[in-house]
Protein backbone atom coordinates (compact mmCIF):
# COMPACT_ATOMS: atom_id res chain seq x y z
CA MET A 1 52.80 248.92 91.41
CA ARG A 2 55.66 248.46 93.54
CA PHE A 3 58.36 246.17 92.20
CA PHE A 4 61.63 244.54 94.20
CA ILE A 5 64.00 243.25 91.81
CA THR A 6 66.99 241.97 92.22
CA GLY A 7 70.43 242.55 89.56
CA THR A 8 68.89 245.89 88.42
CA ALA A 9 72.80 246.53 88.03
CA GLY A 10 72.94 243.69 85.51
CA PHE A 11 72.08 243.57 81.74
CA ILE A 12 68.33 241.77 81.95
CA GLY A 13 67.81 243.56 85.51
CA PHE A 14 68.41 246.89 84.13
CA HIS A 15 66.26 246.70 80.63
CA LEU A 16 63.31 244.97 83.09
CA ALA A 17 63.47 248.30 85.76
CA LYS A 18 63.58 250.54 82.97
CA ARG A 19 61.09 249.04 81.25
CA LEU A 20 58.94 249.11 84.79
CA LEU A 21 60.04 252.90 85.67
CA ASP A 22 59.04 253.91 82.09
CA ASP A 23 55.45 252.50 82.81
CA GLY A 24 55.07 254.42 85.80
CA HIS A 25 55.19 251.88 88.25
CA GLU A 26 57.75 251.99 91.40
CA VAL A 27 60.97 249.98 91.22
CA HIS A 28 63.46 249.33 94.57
CA GLY A 29 66.77 247.25 92.93
CA PHE A 30 68.67 245.12 94.80
CA ASP A 31 72.34 244.49 93.44
CA GLY A 32 75.78 243.43 94.57
CA MET A 33 77.77 245.02 91.58
CA THR A 34 80.55 242.01 91.56
CA PRO A 35 83.30 242.23 89.77
CA TYR A 36 82.44 239.27 87.49
CA TYR A 37 82.74 241.71 84.05
CA ASP A 38 83.63 245.74 84.13
CA VAL A 39 81.63 247.54 87.37
CA MET A 40 81.92 250.48 84.98
CA LEU A 41 79.07 248.96 83.22
CA LYS A 42 76.69 248.45 85.81
CA LEU A 43 77.34 251.44 86.93
CA SER A 44 76.28 253.19 83.90
CA ARG A 45 73.27 250.77 83.93
CA LEU A 46 72.57 252.37 87.44
CA GLU A 47 73.32 255.91 86.39
CA ILE A 48 69.97 255.71 84.30
CA LEU A 49 68.12 253.73 86.63
CA ASN A 50 68.47 256.60 89.06
CA GLY A 51 67.87 259.18 87.01
CA TYR A 52 64.13 257.97 87.33
CA SER A 53 62.35 259.92 90.74
CA GLY A 54 60.84 255.78 91.13
CA TYR A 55 63.73 253.95 91.42
CA GLU A 56 65.67 253.28 94.77
CA HIS A 57 68.95 251.03 95.20
CA THR A 58 70.06 249.28 97.97
CA GLU A 59 73.68 247.92 96.95
CA ALA A 60 74.73 244.56 98.62
CA MET A 61 75.15 240.88 98.35
CA LEU A 62 71.93 238.47 98.32
CA GLU A 63 74.23 236.26 101.06
CA ASP A 64 73.44 239.11 103.00
CA THR A 65 70.58 238.29 104.93
CA GLU A 66 69.45 241.00 106.84
CA ALA A 67 70.08 243.34 104.00
CA LEU A 68 68.38 241.83 101.73
CA THR A 69 65.53 241.14 104.30
CA GLY A 70 65.39 245.04 105.01
CA SER A 71 65.16 246.17 102.09
CA ALA A 72 62.34 244.45 100.98
CA THR A 73 60.32 244.77 104.09
CA ALA A 74 60.75 248.28 103.75
CA PHE A 75 59.59 248.84 100.32
CA ARG A 76 56.55 246.55 101.06
CA PRO A 77 56.61 245.09 97.45
CA ASP A 78 53.49 243.94 95.29
CA VAL A 79 55.67 242.21 93.25
CA ILE A 80 59.16 240.43 93.17
CA ILE A 81 61.40 239.36 90.54
CA HIS A 82 64.36 237.56 91.24
CA LEU A 83 67.09 237.74 88.34
CA ALA A 84 70.27 238.51 90.55
CA ALA A 85 72.66 234.91 89.75
CA GLN A 86 76.25 234.10 89.44
CA ALA A 87 76.07 233.99 85.16
CA GLY A 88 78.51 232.67 82.89
CA VAL A 89 78.29 228.79 82.38
CA ARG A 90 82.08 228.70 81.45
CA TYR A 91 82.94 230.57 84.21
CA SER A 92 81.64 228.07 87.01
CA LEU A 93 84.33 225.86 85.73
CA GLU A 94 86.46 227.88 86.86
CA ASN A 95 84.80 228.97 90.62
CA PRO A 96 81.87 226.61 91.31
CA ARG A 97 81.78 228.26 95.02
CA ALA A 98 80.12 231.42 93.83
CA TYR A 99 77.08 229.51 92.06
CA ILE A 100 76.37 227.79 95.31
CA ASP A 101 76.62 231.18 97.49
CA SER A 102 74.87 233.42 94.96
CA ASN A 103 72.16 231.23 92.83
CA ILE A 104 71.30 228.64 95.54
CA VAL A 105 71.86 230.21 99.14
CA GLY A 106 71.00 233.56 97.46
CA THR A 107 67.74 232.50 96.08
CA PHE A 108 66.82 230.85 99.47
CA ASN A 109 67.47 233.82 100.89
CA LEU A 110 65.20 235.33 98.38
CA LEU A 111 62.55 232.94 98.84
CA GLU A 112 62.45 233.28 102.94
CA VAL A 113 61.78 237.07 102.06
CA ALA A 114 59.20 236.19 99.86
CA ARG A 115 57.16 234.02 102.50
CA GLU A 116 57.35 236.36 104.89
CA LEU A 117 56.60 239.33 102.45
CA LYS A 118 53.44 237.25 100.85
CA PRO A 119 53.53 239.02 97.24
CA GLN A 120 50.73 238.94 94.44
CA HIS A 121 53.48 237.46 92.71
CA LEU A 122 57.02 236.12 92.72
CA LEU A 123 58.92 235.78 88.98
CA LEU A 124 62.59 234.35 89.22
CA ALA A 125 64.68 233.65 86.14
CA SER A 126 66.07 230.01 85.42
CA SER A 127 67.96 229.14 82.18
CA SER A 128 68.34 227.40 79.40
CA SER A 129 70.84 225.41 80.45
CA VAL A 130 68.62 223.10 82.61
CA TYR A 131 67.78 221.25 79.61
CA GLY A 132 71.12 220.17 79.45
CA ALA A 133 72.19 218.21 75.84
CA ASN A 134 68.14 217.25 75.29
CA GLU A 135 68.44 215.44 72.10
CA LYS A 136 64.25 216.25 71.63
CA ALA A 137 63.13 219.70 69.85
CA PRO A 138 61.84 222.09 70.46
CA PHE A 139 62.62 222.21 74.32
CA GLU A 140 59.23 222.20 76.08
CA GLU A 141 59.18 222.73 79.89
CA ASN A 142 58.00 218.90 80.88
CA ASP A 143 60.85 217.88 79.28
CA ARG A 144 63.65 215.80 81.37
CA THR A 145 65.92 218.70 83.19
CA HIS A 146 67.61 216.33 85.49
CA GLU A 147 70.59 216.05 83.58
CA PRO A 148 73.19 219.25 83.91
CA LEU A 149 76.12 219.82 82.26
CA THR A 150 77.65 222.93 84.57
CA LEU A 151 77.31 223.41 87.88
CA TYR A 152 75.30 226.82 87.01
CA ALA A 153 72.86 224.66 85.19
CA ALA A 154 72.24 222.84 88.61
CA SER A 155 72.52 225.87 90.52
CA LYS A 156 69.02 227.12 88.75
CA LYS A 157 67.61 223.86 88.11
CA ALA A 158 67.60 223.67 92.18
CA LEU A 159 66.29 227.93 92.06
CA GLU A 160 63.14 225.85 90.23
CA VAL A 161 62.70 223.27 92.60
CA MET A 162 63.12 225.15 95.84
CA ALA A 163 60.75 227.85 94.68
CA HIS A 164 58.33 225.08 93.61
CA THR A 165 58.78 223.91 97.55
CA TYR A 166 58.01 227.29 98.43
CA ALA A 167 54.58 227.42 96.58
CA HIS A 168 53.69 224.23 98.10
CA LEU A 169 54.44 225.11 101.36
CA TRP A 170 53.45 228.95 101.52
CA LYS A 171 51.02 229.53 98.95
CA ILE A 172 53.38 231.86 96.69
CA PRO A 173 52.37 232.52 93.16
CA THR A 174 55.13 231.56 91.40
CA THR A 175 56.34 231.70 88.15
CA ALA A 176 60.34 230.56 86.84
CA PHE A 177 61.26 231.44 83.31
CA ARG A 178 63.53 230.07 81.34
CA PHE A 179 65.51 232.48 79.54
CA PHE A 180 67.33 231.46 75.79
CA THR A 181 70.54 233.41 75.29
CA VAL A 182 69.20 237.18 75.76
CA TYR A 183 70.82 239.69 73.86
CA GLY A 184 71.01 243.23 73.04
CA PRO A 185 72.39 246.96 74.36
CA TYR A 186 74.14 246.72 77.44
CA GLY A 187 74.86 243.23 77.29
CA ARG A 188 77.75 241.50 79.24
CA PRO A 189 80.65 241.48 78.13
CA ASP A 190 81.05 237.80 78.54
CA MET A 191 78.43 236.92 76.13
CA ALA A 192 79.67 235.46 72.25
CA LEU A 193 77.70 238.59 70.80
CA PHE A 194 80.05 241.02 72.45
CA LYS A 195 83.35 239.64 72.36
CA PHE A 196 83.14 238.73 68.66
CA VAL A 197 81.81 242.66 68.14
CA GLU A 198 85.04 243.76 70.14
CA ALA A 199 87.23 241.57 68.53
CA GLY A 200 86.31 242.65 65.34
CA GLU A 201 86.67 246.46 66.14
CA LYS A 202 90.26 245.62 67.87
CA GLY A 203 90.98 243.61 64.49
CA ALA A 204 91.60 240.56 66.52
CA ALA A 205 90.64 237.08 65.90
CA ILE A 206 87.51 235.37 67.68
CA ASP A 207 87.11 231.85 69.37
CA VAL A 208 84.47 229.59 67.90
CA TYR A 209 83.94 226.30 69.68
CA GLY A 210 82.51 223.96 68.75
CA GLU A 211 83.83 224.61 65.39
CA GLY A 212 81.18 226.80 64.72
CA ARG A 213 78.60 223.88 64.62
CA GLN A 214 76.21 225.21 67.58
CA GLU A 215 72.82 226.31 67.59
CA ARG A 216 71.62 228.74 69.82
CA ASP A 217 67.64 230.28 70.23
CA PHE A 218 68.35 234.15 70.36
CA THR A 219 66.24 236.64 72.58
CA TYR A 220 66.50 240.27 71.97
CA ILE A 221 65.86 242.04 75.14
CA ASP A 222 63.33 244.04 74.12
CA ASP A 223 61.33 240.55 73.46
CA LEU A 224 62.36 238.80 76.53
CA ILE A 225 61.30 242.12 78.82
CA GLU A 226 58.12 242.43 77.10
CA ALA A 227 57.60 238.78 78.32
CA VAL A 228 58.11 238.72 81.62
CA VAL A 229 56.12 242.18 81.99
CA ARG A 230 53.26 240.18 79.92
CA LEU A 231 53.64 237.32 82.45
CA VAL A 232 53.61 239.82 85.51
CA PRO A 233 49.42 239.72 86.17
CA VAL A 234 49.34 236.00 85.24
CA ALA A 235 50.23 234.65 88.84
CA PRO A 236 49.88 230.85 88.22
CA SER A 237 46.08 229.52 89.47
CA GLU A 238 43.72 227.40 88.30
CA ASP A 239 42.26 230.53 86.89
CA ASN A 240 44.20 230.63 83.69
CA ARG A 241 45.74 227.37 83.24
CA VAL A 242 46.09 226.89 79.32
CA GLU A 243 46.34 223.38 77.37
CA ASP A 244 49.58 221.57 78.11
CA ASP A 245 50.52 223.85 80.90
CA THR A 246 53.41 223.37 83.81
CA LEU A 247 50.99 224.64 86.48
CA SER A 248 51.97 222.39 89.45
CA PRO A 249 49.06 220.28 90.98
CA GLN A 250 51.37 221.07 94.25
CA GLY A 251 50.51 224.42 94.36
CA PRO A 252 50.59 227.99 92.64
CA PHE A 253 53.97 227.48 90.69
CA ARG A 254 54.85 227.86 86.73
CA ILE A 255 57.67 226.99 84.55
CA VAL A 256 58.00 229.35 81.13
CA ASN A 257 60.14 229.31 78.57
CA ILE A 258 60.95 232.55 77.22
CA GLY A 259 62.38 232.23 73.57
CA GLY A 260 61.46 232.69 70.17
CA GLY A 261 61.38 228.74 68.73
CA GLN A 262 63.57 229.92 65.44
CA PRO A 263 67.50 228.74 66.64
CA ILE A 264 70.47 229.59 63.64
CA GLY A 265 74.18 228.71 63.58
CA LEU A 266 76.57 230.39 65.18
CA LEU A 267 78.43 230.28 62.26
CA PRO A 268 75.08 232.20 60.54
CA PHE A 269 75.23 234.15 63.64
CA ILE A 270 78.97 235.80 62.92
CA ASP A 271 78.23 236.00 59.43
CA CYS A 272 75.24 238.37 60.64
CA ILE A 273 77.88 240.35 62.61
CA GLU A 274 80.43 240.44 59.67
CA GLN A 275 77.32 241.99 57.75
CA ALA A 276 76.77 244.44 59.93
CA ILE A 277 80.11 245.93 60.87
CA ASN A 278 81.23 245.41 57.57
CA LYS A 279 84.27 243.60 57.99
CA PRO A 280 84.89 240.09 58.44
CA LEU A 281 86.08 238.22 61.61
CA LYS A 282 89.26 236.23 61.91
CA ARG A 283 88.16 232.93 62.80
CA ASN A 284 89.68 230.47 65.44
CA LEU A 285 87.73 226.90 65.40
CA LEU A 286 88.50 225.51 68.97
CA PRO A 287 86.78 222.28 70.18
CA MET A 288 83.68 222.04 71.99
CA GLN A 289 84.09 223.20 75.87
CA LYS A 290 83.19 221.45 78.59
CA GLY A 291 79.72 221.89 79.52
CA ASP A 292 78.63 223.26 76.11
CA VAL A 293 75.74 222.06 74.69
CA PRO A 294 75.67 221.50 70.97
CA ARG A 295 71.88 223.75 71.01
CA THR A 296 69.26 225.54 72.53
CA TYR A 297 65.50 225.08 71.07
CA ALA A 298 62.72 226.81 73.14
CA SER A 299 59.29 225.96 72.38
CA PRO A 300 57.32 229.19 72.98
CA VAL A 301 53.73 227.53 73.28
CA LEU A 302 53.18 228.30 76.58
CA LEU A 303 54.16 231.68 76.88
CA GLN A 304 52.19 232.55 73.54
CA ARG A 305 49.02 230.61 75.09
CA LEU A 306 49.34 232.55 78.78
CA THR A 307 50.39 235.97 76.97
CA GLY A 308 49.24 235.91 73.53
CA PHE A 309 53.56 237.10 72.93
CA LEU A 310 56.32 235.69 71.11
CA PRO A 311 59.45 236.87 71.08
CA ARG A 312 59.96 237.81 67.05
CA THR A 313 62.97 239.75 66.36
CA PRO A 314 64.88 239.21 63.82
CA VAL A 315 68.53 237.99 64.24
CA ALA A 316 69.86 240.62 62.13
CA GLN A 317 67.82 243.54 63.40
CA GLY A 318 68.91 242.99 67.04
CA VAL A 319 73.00 242.56 66.12
CA LYS A 320 72.43 245.85 64.70
CA ALA A 321 70.90 247.59 67.72
CA PHE A 322 73.76 245.86 69.99
CA ILE A 323 76.70 247.18 67.40
CA ASN A 324 75.21 250.65 67.56
CA TRP A 325 75.17 250.05 71.16
CA TYR A 326 78.37 249.44 71.35
CA LYS A 327 80.10 252.19 69.17
CA SER A 328 77.96 255.05 71.05
CA PHE A 329 78.90 253.43 74.45
CA TYR A 330 82.69 252.75 74.05
CA ARG A 331 82.78 255.32 70.47
CA ALA A 332 84.41 252.90 68.94
């Protein structure tokens, strides 16, 4: 099959493109290579992907309508997977316009491409952030998500709503998946695991917000990619409706959590890192930051019913895999 994937220089997009290429598919990647974090890390991911004969790439921003439309139209994909976005909950407090430009305007441009090309399946990355400070646990896809705490979360909610509209109007089979704290090799430097390991290697202290009382439903990257790959052939339709589905009565649209439903506290997570690097981490216990949520907790029931798969990589195993990559990549 032919896959058009936005964000292939990014953490998740890289791993997904590589998996699909390893499986024998053709992939056209689209990425703007923004300097939100170290571009050299993005270039190293692209270097690996460019080693595949089935990969081709366009470097441009989602806001560049001509580049986005032209590259997708020339490639004629069977499936479109939209992963590119301005990421980072905390950064949305510093540079909110980046989230409007990339996550809302960019997504609109991508939806227009899908309207013209009519792929077999359109899949888009949302986020567990849309659940806000939801006190009900675990978080189920039909829970209320009308109270986002950051512009990042609001932009992902907007993505879901816009995608539903296009699915209804233009009958585009569409799945929006909500990711839960993805981590693993080639992860982003702004994520807690990367920051903590980097600090540990340098002997620096780590900032622990919320005094470590937060809980996160960590999802190892290989599990997330497996879930996405299994969702590709499950294009929303009445033919594959399951119990307690989110399939819309207005069009071929579905929302699916991708998380294991096994949250752990931030302090036990730090303990895992300390055990893996075999040294203690100096901790600065700080108040909760604006926009942070106390807990994320996925209900993986719908994912399992649709795909037969559940993310189950133990956190200790995933942390160790990340640290092995980090030491090899940075020769730490």
